[in-house]
N, C-alpha and C. Protein backbone atom coordinates (compact mmCIF):
# COMPACT_ATOMS: atom_id res chain seq x y z
N MET A 1 176.09 73.24 120.82
CA MET A 1 175.06 72.93 121.62
C MET A 1 175.17 71.35 122.01
N ALA A 2 174.94 70.96 123.10
CA ALA A 2 175.01 69.45 123.48
C ALA A 2 173.93 68.80 122.95
N ASP A 3 174.14 67.48 122.48
CA ASP A 3 173.16 66.58 121.87
C ASP A 3 171.97 66.48 122.89
N LYS A 4 172.40 66.12 124.13
CA LYS A 4 171.12 65.98 125.16
C LYS A 4 170.97 67.37 125.80
N TYR A 5 169.98 67.96 125.13
CA TYR A 5 169.81 69.37 125.54
C TYR A 5 168.60 69.54 126.54
N PHE A 6 168.92 70.02 127.76
CA PHE A 6 167.95 70.32 128.76
C PHE A 6 167.05 68.99 129.00
N THR A 7 167.69 67.88 129.29
CA THR A 7 167.11 66.69 129.54
C THR A 7 166.25 66.55 130.93
N GLN A 8 165.74 65.40 131.17
CA GLN A 8 165.16 65.19 132.48
C GLN A 8 166.04 65.40 133.60
N GLU A 9 167.39 65.04 133.37
CA GLU A 9 168.30 65.14 134.40
C GLU A 9 168.53 66.66 134.77
N HIS A 10 168.47 67.53 133.92
CA HIS A 10 168.63 68.97 134.17
C HIS A 10 167.40 69.45 134.75
N GLU A 11 166.24 68.93 134.38
CA GLU A 11 164.97 69.36 134.98
C GLU A 11 165.04 69.02 136.55
N ASP A 12 165.44 67.82 136.87
CA ASP A 12 165.50 67.29 138.09
C ASP A 12 166.51 68.12 138.96
N ALA A 13 167.69 68.41 138.27
CA ALA A 13 168.56 69.33 139.05
C ALA A 13 168.14 70.61 139.55
N ILE A 14 167.33 71.17 138.58
CA ILE A 14 166.78 72.52 138.94
C ILE A 14 165.60 72.37 140.11
N VAL A 15 164.96 71.40 139.98
CA VAL A 15 163.93 71.17 141.04
C VAL A 15 164.70 70.97 142.51
N ALA A 16 165.84 70.08 142.36
CA ALA A 16 166.54 69.85 143.63
C ALA A 16 167.15 71.18 144.05
N TYR A 17 167.71 72.04 143.15
CA TYR A 17 168.29 73.25 143.43
C TYR A 17 167.24 74.23 144.20
N CYS A 18 166.13 74.27 143.55
CA CYS A 18 165.16 75.07 144.24
C CYS A 18 164.64 74.61 145.60
N ASN A 19 164.69 73.31 145.86
CA ASN A 19 164.14 72.78 147.12
C ASN A 19 165.21 72.66 148.19
N SER A 20 166.53 72.75 147.73
CA SER A 20 167.61 72.71 148.61
C SER A 20 167.86 73.97 149.39
N LYS A 21 168.34 73.87 150.70
CA LYS A 21 168.68 74.98 151.48
C LYS A 21 170.25 74.91 151.85
N ASP A 22 170.87 73.87 151.30
CA ASP A 22 172.31 73.66 151.47
C ASP A 22 173.11 74.30 150.42
N TYR A 23 173.86 75.25 150.79
CA TYR A 23 174.60 76.04 149.80
C TYR A 23 175.53 75.31 148.93
N ASP A 24 176.23 74.30 149.64
CA ASP A 24 177.35 73.41 148.84
C ASP A 24 176.53 72.59 147.82
N GLU A 25 175.42 71.99 148.20
CA GLU A 25 174.57 71.22 147.29
C GLU A 25 173.98 72.06 146.06
N LYS A 26 173.58 73.17 146.35
CA LYS A 26 173.09 74.16 145.31
C LYS A 26 174.25 74.42 144.37
N ASN A 27 175.37 74.72 144.98
CA ASN A 27 176.64 75.01 144.02
C ASN A 27 176.89 73.92 143.21
N ARG A 28 176.89 72.57 143.77
CA ARG A 28 177.18 71.39 143.13
C ARG A 28 176.21 71.20 141.91
N LEU A 29 175.00 71.39 142.24
CA LEU A 29 174.05 71.13 141.16
C LEU A 29 174.12 72.17 139.98
N PHE A 30 174.31 73.40 140.45
CA PHE A 30 174.49 74.53 139.46
C PHE A 30 175.66 74.12 138.61
N ARG A 31 176.86 73.75 139.09
CA ARG A 31 178.04 73.46 138.38
C ARG A 31 178.10 72.35 137.48
N GLU A 32 177.37 71.23 138.06
CA GLU A 32 177.40 69.91 137.35
C GLU A 32 176.22 69.93 136.31
N TYR A 33 175.17 70.55 136.47
CA TYR A 33 174.02 70.38 135.55
C TYR A 33 173.51 71.79 135.07
N ILE A 34 173.11 72.70 135.76
CA ILE A 34 172.28 73.84 135.42
C ILE A 34 173.19 74.79 134.59
N ASN A 35 174.49 74.95 134.89
CA ASN A 35 175.20 75.95 134.18
C ASN A 35 175.14 75.73 132.76
N ASP A 36 175.53 74.35 132.29
CA ASP A 36 175.59 74.00 130.83
C ASP A 36 174.19 74.15 130.27
N ALA A 37 173.03 73.73 130.97
CA ALA A 37 171.77 73.76 130.45
C ALA A 37 171.32 75.13 130.14
N LEU A 38 171.62 76.03 131.04
CA LEU A 38 171.27 77.64 130.76
C LEU A 38 172.01 78.10 129.38
N ASP A 39 173.38 77.62 129.46
CA ASP A 39 174.19 78.05 128.22
C ASP A 39 173.53 77.53 126.99
N ASP A 40 173.19 76.35 126.99
CA ASP A 40 172.52 75.63 125.79
C ASP A 40 171.20 76.32 125.36
N LEU A 41 170.42 76.60 126.48
CA LEU A 41 169.17 77.21 126.21
C LEU A 41 169.33 78.69 125.69
N ILE A 42 170.15 79.39 126.14
CA ILE A 42 170.42 80.84 125.72
C ILE A 42 170.94 80.80 124.37
N ASP A 43 171.93 79.93 124.14
CA ASP A 43 172.58 79.92 122.82
C ASP A 43 171.55 79.55 121.76
N GLY A 44 170.65 78.56 122.06
CA GLY A 44 169.65 78.03 121.08
C GLY A 44 168.69 79.08 120.75
N ILE A 45 168.25 79.88 121.68
CA ILE A 45 167.23 80.85 121.43
C ILE A 45 167.92 82.07 120.79
N ALA A 46 169.15 82.37 121.09
CA ALA A 46 169.86 83.54 120.41
C ALA A 46 170.01 83.17 119.03
N ALA A 47 170.43 81.90 118.72
CA ALA A 47 170.67 81.42 117.24
C ALA A 47 169.40 81.44 116.47
N ASN A 48 168.34 80.83 117.10
CA ASN A 48 167.07 80.73 116.24
C ASN A 48 166.43 82.05 115.90
N TYR A 49 166.63 83.07 116.78
CA TYR A 49 165.90 84.37 116.73
C TYR A 49 167.02 85.48 116.21
N GLU A 50 168.07 84.96 115.75
CA GLU A 50 169.16 85.76 115.12
C GLU A 50 169.63 86.91 116.12
N PHE A 51 169.57 86.77 117.44
CA PHE A 51 170.11 87.69 118.44
C PHE A 51 171.59 87.56 118.46
N ASN A 52 172.29 86.71 117.86
CA ASN A 52 173.67 86.55 117.80
C ASN A 52 174.16 87.71 116.87
N ARG A 53 173.32 88.38 116.04
CA ARG A 53 173.78 89.39 115.23
C ARG A 53 173.77 90.76 115.92
N MET A 54 173.38 90.87 117.27
CA MET A 54 173.40 91.95 118.02
C MET A 54 174.87 92.48 118.21
N PRO A 55 175.05 93.78 118.34
CA PRO A 55 176.47 94.11 118.74
C PRO A 55 176.76 93.55 120.09
N ASN A 56 178.17 93.21 120.21
CA ASN A 56 178.47 92.44 121.44
C ASN A 56 177.55 91.33 121.93
N ALA A 57 177.29 90.53 121.03
CA ALA A 57 176.36 89.34 121.25
C ALA A 57 176.80 88.44 122.45
N GLN A 58 178.08 88.26 122.63
CA GLN A 58 178.48 87.47 123.72
C GLN A 58 178.19 88.09 125.08
N ASP A 59 178.33 89.38 125.06
CA ASP A 59 178.18 90.07 126.40
C ASP A 59 176.65 90.12 126.67
N VAL A 60 175.92 90.30 125.65
CA VAL A 60 174.48 90.30 125.62
C VAL A 60 173.99 89.01 126.21
N LYS A 61 174.49 87.82 125.73
CA LYS A 61 174.13 86.55 126.22
C LYS A 61 174.62 86.33 127.74
N TYR A 62 175.77 86.75 127.94
CA TYR A 62 176.36 86.65 129.35
C TYR A 62 175.39 87.43 130.28
N ARG A 63 174.90 88.62 129.94
CA ARG A 63 173.95 89.46 130.80
C ARG A 63 172.59 88.75 131.00
N CYS A 64 172.24 88.05 129.90
CA CYS A 64 170.91 87.21 130.00
C CYS A 64 171.15 86.12 131.06
N LYS A 65 172.35 85.53 130.89
CA LYS A 65 172.58 84.32 131.79
C LYS A 65 172.57 84.73 133.29
N ILE A 66 173.26 85.93 133.45
CA ILE A 66 173.36 86.40 134.86
C ILE A 66 171.79 86.72 135.41
N ASP A 67 171.00 87.15 134.59
CA ASP A 67 169.70 87.43 134.95
C ASP A 67 168.77 86.24 135.27
N MET A 68 169.06 85.21 134.43
CA MET A 68 168.49 83.87 134.56
C MET A 68 169.00 83.17 135.84
N ILE A 69 170.23 83.25 136.14
CA ILE A 69 170.74 82.75 137.48
C ILE A 69 170.06 83.48 138.72
N SER A 70 169.75 84.72 138.53
CA SER A 70 169.18 85.49 139.52
C SER A 70 167.79 85.08 139.84
N ILE A 71 167.06 84.53 138.90
CA ILE A 71 165.78 84.21 139.14
C ILE A 71 165.53 82.53 139.24
N LEU A 72 166.63 81.86 139.35
CA LEU A 72 166.67 80.45 139.47
C LEU A 72 165.52 80.03 140.55
N HIS A 73 165.72 80.80 141.72
CA HIS A 73 165.06 80.48 142.87
C HIS A 73 163.44 80.79 142.73
N LYS A 74 163.16 81.47 141.61
CA LYS A 74 161.72 81.85 141.49
C LYS A 74 160.93 80.60 140.81
N PHE A 75 161.72 79.70 140.24
CA PHE A 75 160.95 78.56 139.65
C PHE A 75 160.30 77.77 140.73
N ASP A 76 158.90 77.51 140.52
CA ASP A 76 158.17 76.71 141.56
C ASP A 76 157.66 75.46 140.92
N PRO A 77 158.37 74.37 141.20
CA PRO A 77 158.02 73.09 140.65
C PRO A 77 156.64 72.67 141.05
N THR A 78 155.98 73.21 142.01
CA THR A 78 154.64 72.90 142.39
C THR A 78 153.58 73.44 141.44
N LYS A 79 153.98 74.35 140.54
CA LYS A 79 153.06 75.04 139.71
C LYS A 79 152.83 74.08 138.43
N ASN A 80 153.59 73.04 138.34
CA ASN A 80 153.34 72.03 137.35
C ASN A 80 153.99 72.35 135.97
N LYS A 81 154.62 73.58 135.83
CA LYS A 81 155.31 73.88 134.58
C LYS A 81 156.67 73.38 134.61
N LYS A 82 157.09 72.78 133.41
CA LYS A 82 158.56 72.24 133.49
C LYS A 82 159.55 73.43 133.53
N ALA A 83 160.74 73.10 133.90
CA ALA A 83 161.72 74.14 133.91
C ALA A 83 162.07 74.49 132.64
N PHE A 84 162.13 73.78 131.55
CA PHE A 84 162.43 74.01 130.23
C PHE A 84 161.46 75.06 129.78
N SER A 85 160.15 74.86 129.78
CA SER A 85 159.19 75.80 129.33
C SER A 85 159.40 77.20 130.08
N TYR A 86 159.57 77.10 131.44
CA TYR A 86 159.58 78.19 132.24
C TYR A 86 160.78 79.20 131.78
N PHE A 87 161.88 78.58 131.66
CA PHE A 87 163.15 79.37 131.48
C PHE A 87 163.20 79.70 129.87
N THR A 88 162.52 78.98 129.01
CA THR A 88 162.43 79.28 127.75
C THR A 88 161.59 80.59 127.59
N VAL A 89 160.52 80.70 128.23
CA VAL A 89 159.69 81.97 128.12
C VAL A 89 160.52 83.06 128.75
N CYS A 90 161.28 82.76 129.95
CA CYS A 90 162.04 83.91 130.57
C CYS A 90 163.17 84.44 129.66
N VAL A 91 163.88 83.56 129.01
CA VAL A 91 164.89 83.88 128.08
C VAL A 91 164.51 84.70 126.91
N LYS A 92 163.32 84.16 126.31
CA LYS A 92 162.75 84.94 125.21
C LYS A 92 162.28 86.16 125.61
N ASN A 93 161.58 86.39 126.66
CA ASN A 93 161.23 87.74 127.18
C ASN A 93 162.46 88.67 127.43
N TRP A 94 163.53 88.08 127.98
CA TRP A 94 164.74 88.90 128.11
C TRP A 94 165.19 89.44 126.94
N PHE A 95 165.32 88.52 125.92
CA PHE A 95 165.88 88.96 124.52
C PHE A 95 165.08 89.89 123.85
N PHE A 96 163.71 89.62 123.93
CA PHE A 96 162.79 90.54 123.15
C PHE A 96 162.83 91.97 123.92
N GLY A 97 163.01 91.90 125.21
CA GLY A 97 163.18 93.20 125.92
C GLY A 97 164.41 93.94 125.46
N GLU A 98 165.39 93.21 125.31
CA GLU A 98 166.75 93.75 124.94
C GLU A 98 166.57 94.35 123.45
N TYR A 99 165.94 93.55 122.58
CA TYR A 99 165.66 93.97 121.23
C TYR A 99 164.90 95.26 121.16
N LYS A 100 163.88 95.39 121.91
CA LYS A 100 162.92 96.57 122.05
C LYS A 100 163.91 97.82 122.38
N ARG A 101 164.73 97.62 123.46
CA ARG A 101 165.48 98.58 123.89
C ARG A 101 166.48 99.11 122.95
N LEU A 102 167.01 98.12 122.19
CA LEU A 102 167.99 98.68 121.17
C LEU A 102 167.24 99.28 119.97
N LYS A 103 166.12 98.79 119.62
CA LYS A 103 165.42 99.38 118.46
C LYS A 103 164.87 100.78 118.94
N LYS A 104 164.59 100.96 120.16
CA LYS A 104 164.35 102.35 120.72
C LYS A 104 165.44 103.22 120.47
N LYS A 105 166.57 102.69 120.85
CA LYS A 105 167.84 103.49 120.90
C LYS A 105 168.21 103.78 119.29
N LYS A 106 167.92 102.88 118.44
CA LYS A 106 168.28 103.12 117.03
C LYS A 106 167.34 104.18 116.44
N SER A 107 166.09 104.30 116.88
CA SER A 107 165.20 105.35 116.48
C SER A 107 165.62 106.71 116.88
N LYS A 108 166.27 106.74 118.08
CA LYS A 108 166.87 108.15 118.38
C LYS A 108 168.18 108.49 117.91
N GLU A 109 168.86 107.57 117.20
CA GLU A 109 170.19 107.90 116.48
C GLU A 109 170.11 108.15 115.14
N SER A 110 171.08 109.04 114.62
CA SER A 110 171.02 109.45 113.29
C SER A 110 171.86 108.31 112.57
N SER A 111 172.72 107.74 113.14
CA SER A 111 173.71 106.65 112.67
C SER A 111 172.82 105.43 112.30
N HIS A 112 173.29 104.75 111.14
CA HIS A 112 172.53 103.42 110.90
C HIS A 112 173.24 102.30 111.32
N SER A 113 174.33 102.42 112.11
CA SER A 113 175.13 101.39 112.63
C SER A 113 174.48 100.23 113.32
N VAL A 114 173.33 100.71 114.13
CA VAL A 114 172.62 99.69 114.95
C VAL A 114 171.59 99.05 114.06
N ASP A 115 171.29 99.54 112.91
CA ASP A 115 170.13 99.11 112.10
C ASP A 115 170.41 97.83 111.41
N VAL A 116 171.70 97.59 111.21
CA VAL A 116 172.17 96.43 110.44
C VAL A 116 171.50 95.12 110.66
N TYR A 117 171.41 94.75 111.99
CA TYR A 117 171.05 93.45 112.46
C TYR A 117 169.44 93.34 112.70
N LEU A 118 168.77 94.53 112.83
CA LEU A 118 167.37 94.42 113.17
C LEU A 118 166.58 93.70 112.33
N PRO A 119 166.61 93.98 111.09
CA PRO A 119 165.71 93.32 110.12
C PRO A 119 165.78 91.65 110.18
N TYR A 120 167.07 91.22 110.52
CA TYR A 120 167.26 89.71 110.52
C TYR A 120 166.47 89.36 111.83
N ILE A 121 166.62 90.03 112.91
CA ILE A 121 165.91 89.63 114.14
C ILE A 121 164.24 89.67 113.89
N GLU A 122 163.85 90.60 113.32
CA GLU A 122 162.43 90.90 113.19
C GLU A 122 161.90 89.62 112.17
N SER A 123 162.74 89.26 111.16
CA SER A 123 162.35 88.23 110.34
C SER A 123 162.32 86.94 111.13
N ALA A 124 163.30 86.75 111.95
CA ALA A 124 163.38 85.45 112.78
C ALA A 124 162.24 85.40 113.75
N MET A 125 161.98 86.48 114.32
CA MET A 125 160.91 86.65 115.23
C MET A 125 159.41 86.26 114.65
N SER A 126 159.36 86.33 113.31
CA SER A 126 158.03 86.14 112.72
C SER A 126 157.96 84.69 112.23
N GLU A 127 159.11 83.91 112.38
CA GLU A 127 158.94 82.55 112.01
C GLU A 127 158.89 81.72 113.21
N GLU A 128 158.36 80.48 113.01
CA GLU A 128 158.22 79.50 114.01
C GLU A 128 159.52 78.92 114.59
N ASP A 129 159.85 78.90 115.81
CA ASP A 129 161.03 78.26 116.41
C ASP A 129 160.68 76.81 116.66
N SER A 130 160.92 75.82 115.53
CA SER A 130 160.27 74.53 115.72
C SER A 130 160.78 73.68 116.89
N TYR A 131 161.98 73.75 117.28
CA TYR A 131 162.47 73.03 118.39
C TYR A 131 161.90 73.40 119.69
N HIS A 132 161.92 74.71 120.06
CA HIS A 132 161.40 75.25 121.27
C HIS A 132 159.84 75.09 121.24
N SER A 133 159.30 75.41 120.18
CA SER A 133 157.81 75.30 120.16
C SER A 133 157.26 73.94 120.33
N TYR A 134 158.04 72.79 119.75
CA TYR A 134 157.65 71.57 119.96
C TYR A 134 157.86 71.04 121.35
N ARG A 135 158.92 71.46 122.09
CA ARG A 135 159.17 71.14 123.40
C ARG A 135 158.06 71.84 124.40
N GLU A 136 157.72 73.09 124.07
CA GLU A 136 156.72 73.76 124.90
C GLU A 136 155.43 73.11 124.62
N SER A 137 155.05 72.74 123.33
CA SER A 137 153.74 72.10 123.13
C SER A 137 153.70 70.73 123.83
N ALA A 138 154.69 70.06 123.87
CA ALA A 138 154.76 68.72 124.48
C ALA A 138 154.52 68.97 125.91
N GLU A 139 155.16 69.84 126.49
CA GLU A 139 154.95 70.03 128.15
C GLU A 139 153.61 70.68 128.38
N PHE A 140 153.07 71.55 127.36
CA PHE A 140 151.69 71.96 127.65
C PHE A 140 150.66 70.80 127.68
N VAL A 141 150.89 69.88 126.83
CA VAL A 141 149.99 68.64 126.73
C VAL A 141 150.10 68.05 128.10
N HIS A 142 151.32 67.78 128.61
CA HIS A 142 151.55 66.98 129.97
C HIS A 142 150.78 67.87 130.97
N TYR A 143 150.96 69.15 131.04
CA TYR A 143 150.32 70.01 132.00
C TYR A 143 148.81 69.97 131.91
N PHE A 144 148.32 70.13 130.70
CA PHE A 144 146.87 70.05 130.53
C PHE A 144 146.28 68.70 130.94
N LEU A 145 146.82 67.60 130.64
CA LEU A 145 146.41 66.21 131.07
C LEU A 145 146.38 66.19 132.63
N LYS A 146 147.39 66.66 133.19
CA LYS A 146 147.52 66.56 134.58
C LYS A 146 146.28 67.32 135.33
N ARG A 147 146.11 68.59 134.84
CA ARG A 147 145.08 69.51 135.33
C ARG A 147 143.69 68.93 135.03
N PHE A 148 143.45 68.54 133.84
CA PHE A 148 142.16 67.98 133.23
C PHE A 148 141.78 66.68 134.09
N LYS A 149 142.68 65.82 134.43
CA LYS A 149 142.51 64.53 135.14
C LYS A 149 142.19 64.84 136.63
N GLU A 150 142.57 66.02 137.12
CA GLU A 150 142.44 66.43 138.48
C GLU A 150 140.97 66.97 138.77
N LEU A 151 140.13 67.17 137.68
CA LEU A 151 138.83 67.73 137.93
C LEU A 151 137.92 66.96 138.73
N ASP A 152 137.24 67.68 139.54
CA ASP A 152 136.19 66.93 140.55
C ASP A 152 135.05 66.55 139.56
N LEU A 153 134.89 65.34 139.24
CA LEU A 153 133.82 64.97 138.29
C LEU A 153 132.41 64.66 138.97
N ASP A 154 132.50 64.81 140.29
CA ASP A 154 131.21 64.50 140.95
C ASP A 154 130.06 65.54 140.57
N LYS A 155 130.52 66.75 140.11
CA LYS A 155 129.51 67.67 139.73
C LYS A 155 128.98 67.57 138.21
N TYR A 156 129.56 66.65 137.51
CA TYR A 156 129.25 66.39 136.16
C TYR A 156 128.18 65.22 135.97
N SER A 157 127.55 65.26 134.90
CA SER A 157 126.65 64.12 134.58
C SER A 157 127.48 62.92 133.96
N GLU A 158 126.60 61.91 133.90
CA GLU A 158 127.32 60.63 133.45
C GLU A 158 127.83 60.94 132.02
N LYS A 159 127.07 61.57 131.11
CA LYS A 159 127.53 61.83 129.83
C LYS A 159 128.72 62.66 129.77
N GLU A 160 128.68 63.69 130.61
CA GLU A 160 129.88 64.57 130.70
C GLU A 160 131.10 63.84 131.15
N LYS A 161 130.90 62.88 132.04
CA LYS A 161 132.02 62.17 132.53
C LYS A 161 132.62 61.26 131.37
N LYS A 162 131.66 60.71 130.56
CA LYS A 162 132.20 59.99 129.34
C LYS A 162 132.87 60.92 128.40
N VAL A 163 132.48 62.03 128.21
CA VAL A 163 133.04 63.01 127.25
C VAL A 163 134.53 63.38 127.85
N HIS A 164 134.56 63.68 129.19
CA HIS A 164 135.83 63.92 129.88
C HIS A 164 136.88 62.77 129.64
N ALA A 165 136.37 61.50 129.84
CA ALA A 165 137.25 60.37 129.52
C ALA A 165 137.76 60.24 128.05
N ALA A 166 136.88 60.57 127.26
CA ALA A 166 137.16 60.50 125.77
C ALA A 166 138.20 61.53 125.39
N ILE A 167 138.11 62.72 126.01
CA ILE A 167 139.06 63.79 125.85
C ILE A 167 140.47 63.41 126.26
N VAL A 168 140.53 62.78 127.35
CA VAL A 168 141.72 62.28 128.09
C VAL A 168 142.33 61.27 127.05
N TYR A 169 141.64 60.39 126.57
CA TYR A 169 142.02 59.35 125.77
C TYR A 169 142.68 59.99 124.38
N LEU A 170 141.85 60.92 123.81
CA LEU A 170 142.30 61.45 122.48
C LEU A 170 143.66 62.27 122.67
N VAL A 171 143.79 63.00 123.84
CA VAL A 171 145.00 63.79 124.18
C VAL A 171 146.23 62.84 124.24
N GLU A 172 145.95 61.79 125.02
CA GLU A 172 146.96 60.90 125.41
C GLU A 172 147.49 60.03 124.09
N ASN A 173 146.55 60.03 123.09
CA ASN A 173 146.82 59.31 121.92
C ASN A 173 146.99 60.22 120.64
N GLU A 174 147.27 61.48 120.96
CA GLU A 174 147.18 62.46 119.90
C GLU A 174 148.16 62.20 118.62
N GLU A 175 149.20 61.57 118.94
CA GLU A 175 150.12 61.25 117.91
C GLU A 175 149.73 60.28 116.94
N SER A 176 149.05 59.38 117.43
CA SER A 176 148.40 58.30 116.51
C SER A 176 147.08 58.61 115.95
N ILE A 177 146.39 59.79 116.44
CA ILE A 177 145.09 60.12 115.87
C ILE A 177 145.12 61.30 115.17
N GLU A 178 144.67 61.35 113.92
CA GLU A 178 144.77 62.62 113.16
C GLU A 178 143.36 63.44 113.24
N ILE A 179 143.59 64.47 113.99
CA ILE A 179 142.39 65.31 114.30
C ILE A 179 142.64 66.71 113.60
N ILE A 180 141.99 66.80 112.36
CA ILE A 180 142.34 68.07 111.49
C ILE A 180 141.39 69.24 111.89
N LYS A 181 140.11 68.82 112.17
CA LYS A 181 139.12 69.99 112.51
C LYS A 181 138.40 69.48 113.88
N LYS A 182 137.83 70.39 114.37
CA LYS A 182 136.94 70.40 115.60
C LYS A 182 135.90 69.26 115.31
N SER A 183 135.29 69.35 114.05
CA SER A 183 134.20 68.34 113.86
C SER A 183 134.71 66.87 113.82
N ALA A 184 136.04 66.80 113.46
CA ALA A 184 136.65 65.30 113.60
C ALA A 184 136.79 64.99 115.01
N MET A 185 137.16 65.83 115.98
CA MET A 185 137.24 65.58 117.30
C MET A 185 135.87 65.10 117.81
N ARG A 186 134.89 65.97 117.49
CA ARG A 186 133.35 65.55 117.95
C ARG A 186 133.14 64.25 117.44
N LYS A 187 133.55 63.84 116.19
CA LYS A 187 133.20 62.46 115.58
C LYS A 187 133.92 61.41 116.47
N TYR A 188 135.13 61.70 116.72
CA TYR A 188 135.80 60.63 117.54
C TYR A 188 135.28 60.46 118.95
N ILE A 189 134.92 61.57 119.56
CA ILE A 189 134.29 61.60 120.87
C ILE A 189 133.05 60.82 120.92
N SER A 190 132.20 61.07 119.78
CA SER A 190 130.97 60.35 119.51
C SER A 190 131.02 58.85 119.56
N GLU A 191 132.03 58.41 118.80
CA GLU A 191 132.30 57.09 118.60
C GLU A 191 132.77 56.36 119.83
N ILE A 192 133.68 57.13 120.60
CA ILE A 192 134.19 56.57 121.89
C ILE A 192 133.01 56.39 122.94
N THR A 193 132.17 57.35 123.04
CA THR A 193 131.26 57.50 124.02
C THR A 193 129.92 56.87 123.73
N GLY A 194 129.50 56.72 122.39
CA GLY A 194 128.25 56.27 121.96
C GLY A 194 127.28 57.31 122.02
N ILE A 195 127.64 58.55 122.28
CA ILE A 195 126.59 59.62 122.39
C ILE A 195 126.51 60.23 121.02
N LYS A 196 125.24 60.54 120.57
CA LYS A 196 125.07 61.18 119.36
C LYS A 196 125.84 62.38 119.13
N ARG A 197 126.43 62.54 117.90
CA ARG A 197 127.31 63.74 117.62
C ARG A 197 126.65 65.05 117.74
N SER A 198 125.34 65.04 117.66
CA SER A 198 124.62 66.38 117.77
C SER A 198 124.58 66.85 119.29
N ARG A 199 124.78 65.86 120.25
CA ARG A 199 124.86 66.22 121.66
C ARG A 199 126.24 66.51 122.22
N ILE A 200 127.28 66.19 121.26
CA ILE A 200 128.76 66.27 121.78
C ILE A 200 129.05 67.73 121.95
N TYR A 201 128.51 68.59 121.07
CA TYR A 201 128.97 69.97 121.05
C TYR A 201 128.50 70.76 122.30
N SER A 202 127.22 70.46 122.74
CA SER A 202 126.75 71.00 124.02
C SER A 202 127.39 70.43 125.21
N LEU A 203 127.75 69.13 125.19
CA LEU A 203 128.44 68.64 126.31
C LEU A 203 129.86 69.15 126.41
N LEU A 204 130.54 69.37 125.27
CA LEU A 204 131.83 70.00 125.25
C LEU A 204 131.79 71.31 125.87
N ARG A 205 130.79 72.08 125.63
CA ARG A 205 130.59 73.47 126.24
C ARG A 205 130.64 73.45 127.75
N LYS A 206 130.43 72.37 128.39
CA LYS A 206 130.53 72.33 129.87
C LYS A 206 132.00 72.43 130.41
N PHE A 207 132.85 72.08 129.35
CA PHE A 207 134.27 72.10 129.81
C PHE A 207 135.01 73.40 129.20
N THR A 208 134.30 74.29 128.50
CA THR A 208 134.90 75.45 128.02
C THR A 208 135.67 76.34 128.95
N ASP A 209 135.11 76.58 130.15
CA ASP A 209 135.76 77.35 131.13
C ASP A 209 136.93 76.72 131.76
N VAL A 210 136.97 75.42 131.72
CA VAL A 210 138.08 74.50 132.30
C VAL A 210 139.14 74.70 131.44
N PHE A 211 138.88 74.56 130.00
CA PHE A 211 140.03 74.84 129.05
C PHE A 211 140.56 76.13 129.15
N LYS A 212 139.74 77.22 129.20
CA LYS A 212 140.28 78.45 129.28
C LYS A 212 141.17 78.80 130.53
N ASP A 213 140.69 78.18 131.65
CA ASP A 213 141.50 78.26 132.91
C ASP A 213 142.92 77.74 132.82
N ILE A 214 142.86 76.45 132.26
CA ILE A 214 144.15 75.77 132.19
C ILE A 214 145.15 76.51 131.24
N LEU A 215 144.56 76.97 130.19
CA LEU A 215 145.43 77.75 129.31
C LEU A 215 145.97 79.05 129.90
N TYR A 216 145.09 79.76 130.53
CA TYR A 216 145.39 80.99 131.20
C TYR A 216 146.50 80.64 132.27
N ASP A 217 146.50 79.67 133.10
CA ASP A 217 147.33 79.48 134.22
C ASP A 217 148.57 79.01 133.51
N TRP A 218 148.54 78.29 132.41
CA TRP A 218 149.89 77.91 131.73
C TRP A 218 150.67 79.06 131.27
N GLU A 219 149.90 80.06 130.77
CA GLU A 219 150.53 81.25 130.14
C GLU A 219 151.03 82.30 131.29
N ASN A 220 150.40 81.96 132.41
CA ASN A 220 150.81 83.00 133.48
C ASN A 220 151.36 82.43 134.77
N LEU A 221 152.39 81.47 134.65
CA LEU A 221 152.84 80.87 135.80
C LEU A 221 154.06 81.51 136.28
N ASP A 222 154.07 82.77 136.52
CA ASP A 222 154.90 83.51 137.29
C ASP A 222 156.30 83.68 136.43
N VAL A 223 156.20 83.99 135.20
CA VAL A 223 157.51 84.08 134.37
C VAL A 223 157.79 85.55 134.31
N ILE A 224 158.98 85.95 134.28
CA ILE A 224 159.32 87.44 134.15
C ILE A 224 158.96 87.91 132.80
């Protein structure tokens, strides 16, 4: 797998590919950037989730890549989700679908030949994929901030606006601020805004539906 795996350069190439109507330009972008990025993404997920143990693993990965190529045009950069997160979910869904199909096939067969690799995949699926999880988490934070900053604050009170600004500050500085519990977050917001901690909880509730909507949209951005 390449050291520089699915970089901003690859992100930009996919966006340009989706926006271009020129066949030669799309072909160049795919050949120079997207092809290797898809290979690395598929290889990484296959390795992390033990899908390489599947019978004819190379053929399985090739079929996955063909399907990913067929949906390249479905990626919509205007939905604010990064290409890495979008295609990570697509590839995972594809492999999990293949896993379920083979598991169903195994249950119908008397032979145990298909059964050998399934426990490894099931074990891997129950463990955290640290690299892809970290990338997706970082991209969700970026998505959350963009959406949260776009809120129309005219309908909020002055205290709610202060809480909004404090949340933005805490999320933007989350790497340098240790927030272990929700109560710690309320403490930080209270210190930043000068509002009593007893009032912070009720003010935060004003943003509950906003948080839920952002999370729902992130999880349902037109992925297969």
